[in-house]
N, C-alpha and C. Protein backbone atom coordinates (compact mmCIF):
# COMPACT_ATOMS: atom_id res chain seq x y z
N MET A 1 0.85 -1.18 0.00
CA MET A 1 0.00 0.00 0.00
C MET A 1 0.89 1.24 0.00
N VAL A 2 0.46 2.26 -0.69
CA VAL A 2 1.22 3.51 -0.83
C VAL A 2 0.58 4.60 0.03
N CYS A 3 1.41 5.36 0.72
CA CYS A 3 0.96 6.46 1.57
C CYS A 3 0.29 7.54 0.73
N GLU A 4 -0.88 8.00 1.17
CA GLU A 4 -1.61 9.05 0.45
C GLU A 4 -0.92 10.40 0.54
N LYS A 5 -0.13 10.63 1.61
CA LYS A 5 0.51 11.94 1.80
C LYS A 5 1.85 12.05 1.08
N CYS A 6 2.74 11.06 1.29
CA CYS A 6 4.10 11.19 0.74
C CYS A 6 4.43 10.17 -0.34
N LYS A 7 3.50 9.29 -0.65
CA LYS A 7 3.62 8.28 -1.71
C LYS A 7 4.70 7.22 -1.47
N GLU A 8 5.14 7.08 -0.21
CA GLU A 8 6.10 6.02 0.15
C GLU A 8 5.33 4.73 0.45
N GLU A 9 6.05 3.61 0.38
CA GLU A 9 5.46 2.30 0.69
C GLU A 9 5.17 2.22 2.19
N MET A 10 3.96 1.80 2.54
CA MET A 10 3.56 1.70 3.95
C MET A 10 3.83 0.29 4.48
N ASN A 11 3.94 0.18 5.79
CA ASN A 11 4.19 -1.10 6.46
C ASN A 11 2.95 -1.54 7.23
N TRP A 12 2.66 -2.84 7.18
CA TRP A 12 1.56 -3.42 7.97
C TRP A 12 2.13 -3.82 9.32
N SER A 13 1.41 -3.49 10.38
CA SER A 13 1.88 -3.91 11.70
C SER A 13 0.72 -4.07 12.68
N ILE A 14 1.00 -4.85 13.70
CA ILE A 14 0.07 -5.04 14.81
C ILE A 14 0.83 -4.60 16.06
N GLU A 15 0.25 -3.64 16.78
CA GLU A 15 0.86 -3.13 18.01
C GLU A 15 -0.20 -3.07 19.09
N GLY A 16 -0.08 -3.95 20.08
CA GLY A 16 -1.06 -3.99 21.16
C GLY A 16 -2.45 -4.29 20.63
N ALA A 17 -3.37 -3.35 20.83
CA ALA A 17 -4.76 -3.55 20.43
C ALA A 17 -5.09 -2.86 19.10
N THR A 18 -4.05 -2.47 18.33
CA THR A 18 -4.29 -1.84 17.04
C THR A 18 -3.55 -2.58 15.92
N GLN A 19 -4.11 -2.47 14.73
CA GLN A 19 -3.47 -3.04 13.54
C GLN A 19 -3.72 -2.09 12.39
N GLY A 20 -2.82 -2.09 11.41
CA GLY A 20 -3.05 -1.26 10.25
C GLY A 20 -1.80 -0.93 9.50
N TRP A 21 -1.96 -0.06 8.52
CA TRP A 21 -0.88 0.40 7.66
C TRP A 21 -0.29 1.67 8.24
N ARG A 22 1.03 1.73 8.29
CA ARG A 22 1.72 2.90 8.83
C ARG A 22 2.83 3.32 7.86
N CYS A 23 2.95 4.61 7.64
CA CYS A 23 4.01 5.14 6.77
C CYS A 23 5.26 5.37 7.61
N PRO A 24 6.38 4.75 7.24
CA PRO A 24 7.62 4.94 8.01
C PRO A 24 8.25 6.31 7.81
N VAL A 25 7.83 7.04 6.77
CA VAL A 25 8.43 8.33 6.46
C VAL A 25 7.69 9.48 7.15
N CYS A 26 6.38 9.60 6.89
CA CYS A 26 5.64 10.75 7.42
C CYS A 26 4.74 10.41 8.62
N GLY A 27 4.55 9.13 8.87
CA GLY A 27 3.74 8.73 10.03
C GLY A 27 2.25 8.62 9.76
N TRP A 28 1.81 8.92 8.54
CA TRP A 28 0.39 8.78 8.21
C TRP A 28 -0.01 7.32 8.37
N ASN A 29 -1.25 7.06 8.81
CA ASN A 29 -1.64 5.68 9.02
C ASN A 29 -3.13 5.43 8.84
N ILE A 30 -3.45 4.18 8.65
CA ILE A 30 -4.83 3.69 8.63
C ILE A 30 -4.87 2.60 9.69
N ILE A 31 -5.59 2.84 10.76
CA ILE A 31 -5.55 1.96 11.93
C ILE A 31 -6.95 1.48 12.28
N THR A 32 -7.03 0.25 12.78
CA THR A 32 -8.28 -0.30 13.30
C THR A 32 -7.96 -1.14 14.53
N THR A 33 -8.98 -1.57 15.20
CA THR A 33 -8.82 -2.38 16.40
C THR A 33 -8.33 -3.78 16.05
N TYR A 34 -7.47 -4.30 16.90
CA TYR A 34 -6.99 -5.68 16.74
C TYR A 34 -7.34 -6.46 18.00
N ILE A 35 -8.08 -7.54 17.81
CA ILE A 35 -8.42 -8.43 18.92
C ILE A 35 -7.79 -9.77 18.60
N ASP A 36 -6.82 -10.19 19.44
CA ASP A 36 -6.15 -11.45 19.16
C ASP A 36 -7.11 -12.62 19.34
N GLU A 37 -6.77 -13.74 18.74
CA GLU A 37 -7.64 -14.90 18.70
C GLU A 37 -8.03 -15.39 20.09
N ILE A 38 -7.10 -15.41 21.00
CA ILE A 38 -7.39 -15.92 22.35
C ILE A 38 -8.41 -15.04 23.07
N SER A 39 -8.36 -13.73 22.86
CA SER A 39 -9.31 -12.81 23.50
C SER A 39 -10.70 -12.90 22.89
N ALA A 40 -10.77 -13.28 21.62
CA ALA A 40 -12.06 -13.39 20.94
C ALA A 40 -12.72 -14.75 21.16
N ASP A 41 -11.99 -15.71 21.69
CA ASP A 41 -12.50 -17.06 21.92
C ASP A 41 -13.57 -17.04 23.01
N GLU A 42 -14.78 -17.43 22.68
CA GLU A 42 -15.90 -17.42 23.63
C GLU A 42 -16.11 -18.78 24.34
N THR A 43 -15.28 -19.74 24.04
CA THR A 43 -15.41 -21.07 24.65
C THR A 43 -15.11 -21.02 26.13
N GLU A 44 -15.89 -21.76 26.92
CA GLU A 44 -15.57 -21.91 28.33
C GLU A 44 -14.83 -23.23 28.48
N TYR A 45 -13.63 -23.16 29.00
CA TYR A 45 -12.78 -24.33 29.17
C TYR A 45 -12.83 -24.80 30.62
N SER A 46 -12.63 -26.11 30.80
CA SER A 46 -12.52 -26.70 32.13
C SER A 46 -11.08 -27.16 32.32
N LEU A 47 -10.48 -26.74 33.42
CA LEU A 47 -9.09 -27.07 33.72
C LEU A 47 -9.06 -28.06 34.89
N TYR A 48 -8.47 -29.23 34.63
CA TYR A 48 -8.40 -30.30 35.63
C TYR A 48 -6.95 -30.50 36.05
N ILE A 49 -6.72 -30.59 37.35
CA ILE A 49 -5.40 -31.00 37.81
C ILE A 49 -5.43 -32.51 37.96
N ARG A 50 -4.24 -33.14 37.79
CA ARG A 50 -4.22 -34.60 37.85
C ARG A 50 -2.91 -35.12 38.39
N ASN A 51 -3.01 -36.24 39.05
CA ASN A 51 -1.84 -37.00 39.51
C ASN A 51 -0.76 -36.15 40.17
N VAL A 52 -1.13 -35.39 41.19
CA VAL A 52 -0.16 -34.57 41.91
C VAL A 52 0.60 -35.48 42.87
N GLN A 53 1.91 -35.55 42.70
CA GLN A 53 2.73 -36.45 43.51
C GLN A 53 3.09 -35.84 44.87
N GLU A 54 3.62 -34.65 44.85
CA GLU A 54 4.03 -33.99 46.10
C GLU A 54 3.13 -32.79 46.36
N ILE A 55 2.49 -32.82 47.51
CA ILE A 55 1.59 -31.72 47.88
C ILE A 55 2.32 -30.84 48.88
N ASP A 56 2.43 -29.55 48.58
CA ASP A 56 3.06 -28.61 49.50
C ASP A 56 2.18 -27.38 49.66
N LYS A 57 2.62 -26.48 50.54
CA LYS A 57 1.79 -25.31 50.85
C LYS A 57 1.54 -24.40 49.64
N ASP A 58 2.54 -24.27 48.75
CA ASP A 58 2.35 -23.42 47.57
C ASP A 58 1.27 -23.98 46.65
N LYS A 59 1.26 -25.29 46.48
CA LYS A 59 0.24 -25.93 45.64
C LYS A 59 -1.13 -25.80 46.28
N ILE A 60 -1.20 -25.99 47.58
CA ILE A 60 -2.48 -25.86 48.29
C ILE A 60 -3.01 -24.43 48.17
N LYS A 61 -2.15 -23.44 48.38
CA LYS A 61 -2.57 -22.03 48.28
C LYS A 61 -3.07 -21.71 46.87
N PHE A 62 -2.33 -22.18 45.86
CA PHE A 62 -2.71 -21.89 44.49
C PHE A 62 -4.05 -22.52 44.13
N VAL A 63 -4.24 -23.78 44.47
CA VAL A 63 -5.51 -24.46 44.17
C VAL A 63 -6.66 -23.82 44.95
N ALA A 64 -6.43 -23.46 46.20
CA ALA A 64 -7.47 -22.81 47.01
C ALA A 64 -7.91 -21.50 46.35
N LYS A 65 -6.94 -20.71 45.92
CA LYS A 65 -7.26 -19.42 45.29
C LYS A 65 -7.94 -19.63 43.94
N THR A 66 -7.42 -20.53 43.12
CA THR A 66 -7.95 -20.76 41.78
C THR A 66 -9.36 -21.33 41.81
N ALA A 67 -9.57 -22.32 42.68
CA ALA A 67 -10.88 -22.98 42.76
C ALA A 67 -11.84 -22.27 43.72
N ASN A 68 -11.32 -21.25 44.41
CA ASN A 68 -12.12 -20.49 45.38
C ASN A 68 -12.68 -21.41 46.46
N VAL A 69 -11.77 -22.18 47.07
CA VAL A 69 -12.13 -23.11 48.14
C VAL A 69 -11.18 -22.91 49.32
N SER A 70 -11.50 -23.55 50.44
CA SER A 70 -10.64 -23.47 51.62
C SER A 70 -9.37 -24.29 51.40
N PHE A 71 -8.38 -24.07 52.27
CA PHE A 71 -7.14 -24.83 52.18
C PHE A 71 -7.39 -26.33 52.38
N ILE A 72 -8.32 -26.67 53.25
CA ILE A 72 -8.63 -28.08 53.51
C ILE A 72 -9.20 -28.74 52.25
N ILE A 73 -10.14 -28.08 51.61
CA ILE A 73 -10.72 -28.61 50.37
C ILE A 73 -9.66 -28.66 49.27
N ALA A 74 -8.81 -27.63 49.19
CA ALA A 74 -7.75 -27.61 48.17
C ALA A 74 -6.82 -28.80 48.35
N ARG A 75 -6.47 -29.11 49.58
CA ARG A 75 -5.60 -30.27 49.84
C ARG A 75 -6.28 -31.55 49.39
N GLN A 76 -7.57 -31.68 49.68
CA GLN A 76 -8.31 -32.86 49.26
C GLN A 76 -8.36 -32.95 47.73
N MET A 77 -8.53 -31.82 47.07
CA MET A 77 -8.56 -31.80 45.61
C MET A 77 -7.22 -32.27 45.03
N LEU A 78 -6.13 -31.83 45.64
CA LEU A 78 -4.80 -32.23 45.18
C LEU A 78 -4.56 -33.73 45.37
N GLN A 79 -5.25 -34.35 46.30
CA GLN A 79 -5.08 -35.77 46.55
C GLN A 79 -5.88 -36.64 45.58
N GLU A 80 -6.84 -36.06 44.89
CA GLU A 80 -7.66 -36.82 43.95
C GLU A 80 -6.88 -37.09 42.67
N LYS A 81 -7.31 -38.12 41.93
CA LYS A 81 -6.65 -38.49 40.67
C LYS A 81 -6.81 -37.40 39.62
N GLU A 82 -8.01 -36.85 39.51
CA GLU A 82 -8.28 -35.76 38.58
C GLU A 82 -9.48 -34.97 39.09
N VAL A 83 -9.34 -33.64 39.14
CA VAL A 83 -10.42 -32.80 39.63
C VAL A 83 -10.38 -31.45 38.92
N CYS A 84 -11.57 -30.93 38.61
CA CYS A 84 -11.69 -29.63 37.95
C CYS A 84 -11.49 -28.52 38.99
N ILE A 85 -10.55 -27.61 38.69
CA ILE A 85 -10.32 -26.49 39.60
C ILE A 85 -10.77 -25.15 39.02
N LEU A 86 -11.08 -25.13 37.71
CA LEU A 86 -11.43 -23.85 37.10
C LEU A 86 -12.22 -24.05 35.82
N ARG A 87 -13.27 -23.26 35.64
CA ARG A 87 -14.00 -23.15 34.38
C ARG A 87 -13.93 -21.68 34.00
N ALA A 88 -13.31 -21.41 32.84
CA ALA A 88 -13.08 -20.00 32.47
C ALA A 88 -12.81 -19.88 30.97
N LYS A 89 -12.72 -18.64 30.53
CA LYS A 89 -12.37 -18.33 29.14
C LYS A 89 -10.86 -18.51 28.94
N ALA A 90 -10.46 -18.54 27.69
CA ALA A 90 -9.08 -18.86 27.29
C ALA A 90 -8.00 -18.00 27.97
N PRO A 91 -8.12 -16.67 28.05
CA PRO A 91 -7.02 -15.91 28.67
C PRO A 91 -6.73 -16.31 30.12
N LYS A 92 -7.78 -16.54 30.89
CA LYS A 92 -7.59 -16.92 32.30
C LYS A 92 -7.01 -18.33 32.39
N ILE A 93 -7.46 -19.23 31.51
CA ILE A 93 -6.92 -20.59 31.49
C ILE A 93 -5.43 -20.54 31.18
N LYS A 94 -5.05 -19.72 30.20
CA LYS A 94 -3.64 -19.63 29.81
C LYS A 94 -2.77 -19.13 30.97
N MET A 95 -3.24 -18.13 31.70
CA MET A 95 -2.49 -17.63 32.86
C MET A 95 -2.36 -18.70 33.93
N THR A 96 -3.42 -19.45 34.14
CA THR A 96 -3.41 -20.50 35.16
C THR A 96 -2.46 -21.63 34.78
N ILE A 97 -2.42 -21.97 33.49
CA ILE A 97 -1.51 -23.02 33.01
C ILE A 97 -0.06 -22.66 33.34
N ALA A 98 0.31 -21.41 33.15
CA ALA A 98 1.68 -20.98 33.43
C ALA A 98 2.05 -21.25 34.88
N LYS A 99 1.13 -20.96 35.79
CA LYS A 99 1.40 -21.18 37.21
C LYS A 99 1.42 -22.68 37.53
N LEU A 100 0.54 -23.45 36.91
CA LEU A 100 0.55 -24.91 37.13
C LEU A 100 1.89 -25.50 36.69
N GLN A 101 2.39 -25.04 35.57
CA GLN A 101 3.68 -25.53 35.08
C GLN A 101 4.80 -25.13 36.02
N GLU A 102 4.74 -23.92 36.54
CA GLU A 102 5.74 -23.45 37.51
C GLU A 102 5.75 -24.32 38.76
N LEU A 103 4.56 -24.76 39.18
CA LEU A 103 4.44 -25.59 40.39
C LEU A 103 4.56 -27.09 40.10
N SER A 104 4.78 -27.44 38.84
CA SER A 104 4.89 -28.85 38.42
C SER A 104 3.63 -29.65 38.75
N ILE A 105 2.49 -29.07 38.45
CA ILE A 105 1.21 -29.75 38.64
C ILE A 105 0.70 -30.16 37.27
N GLY A 106 0.43 -31.46 37.10
CA GLY A 106 -0.11 -31.95 35.83
C GLY A 106 -1.54 -31.48 35.64
N PHE A 107 -1.96 -31.34 34.38
CA PHE A 107 -3.31 -30.84 34.12
C PHE A 107 -3.83 -31.35 32.78
N ASN A 108 -5.14 -31.30 32.64
CA ASN A 108 -5.85 -31.54 31.38
C ASN A 108 -6.83 -30.40 31.19
N ILE A 109 -7.16 -30.12 29.93
CA ILE A 109 -8.12 -29.06 29.62
C ILE A 109 -9.15 -29.63 28.65
N SER A 110 -10.40 -29.29 28.89
CA SER A 110 -11.48 -29.73 28.02
C SER A 110 -12.37 -28.53 27.71
N PRO A 111 -12.75 -28.30 26.44
CA PRO A 111 -12.30 -29.00 25.24
C PRO A 111 -10.84 -28.66 24.93
N MET A 112 -10.32 -29.22 23.84
CA MET A 112 -8.93 -29.02 23.48
C MET A 112 -8.56 -27.53 23.50
N PHE A 113 -7.43 -27.23 24.11
CA PHE A 113 -6.96 -25.85 24.26
C PHE A 113 -5.77 -25.64 23.33
N LYS A 114 -5.89 -24.72 22.37
CA LYS A 114 -4.85 -24.57 21.36
C LYS A 114 -3.89 -23.42 21.60
N TYR A 115 -4.02 -22.76 22.72
CA TYR A 115 -3.16 -21.61 22.98
C TYR A 115 -2.02 -21.98 23.88
C-alpha cells in the first residue's frame, strides 16, 4: 500500500490492540482495532489438575485461590486423581496453566486448548 501523503510504501503492523498500515516516512496511518484470537474465543474451558505427587503449601494455596475453596478442600482436591479447579475463558486458562507448570502440577483441559 502507498501512503496518500508522501507516496512512500507503507508497512503493515500489529501493536497492542491496534493493527493497520503505517508510513515509516511521514507517520500517516490507517488503523483499526486488533483483537487477538485468544481474547475473541468465547469457549468456556474446564481445567483439571491430575496426579499430583508432592503436595506442599504453595500448591495448596494456588488451588485454594484458583478454585475459590478453603485450604482443607484444596488439599483434598490435590489428593484426587483428577479434579476440575477452574472453568473459564481462554485468557484466564492460559495464565493459570503458566502457574501450574511453575508448580509442576499436571493438568488436562477440556475441550482441546490450542493456545
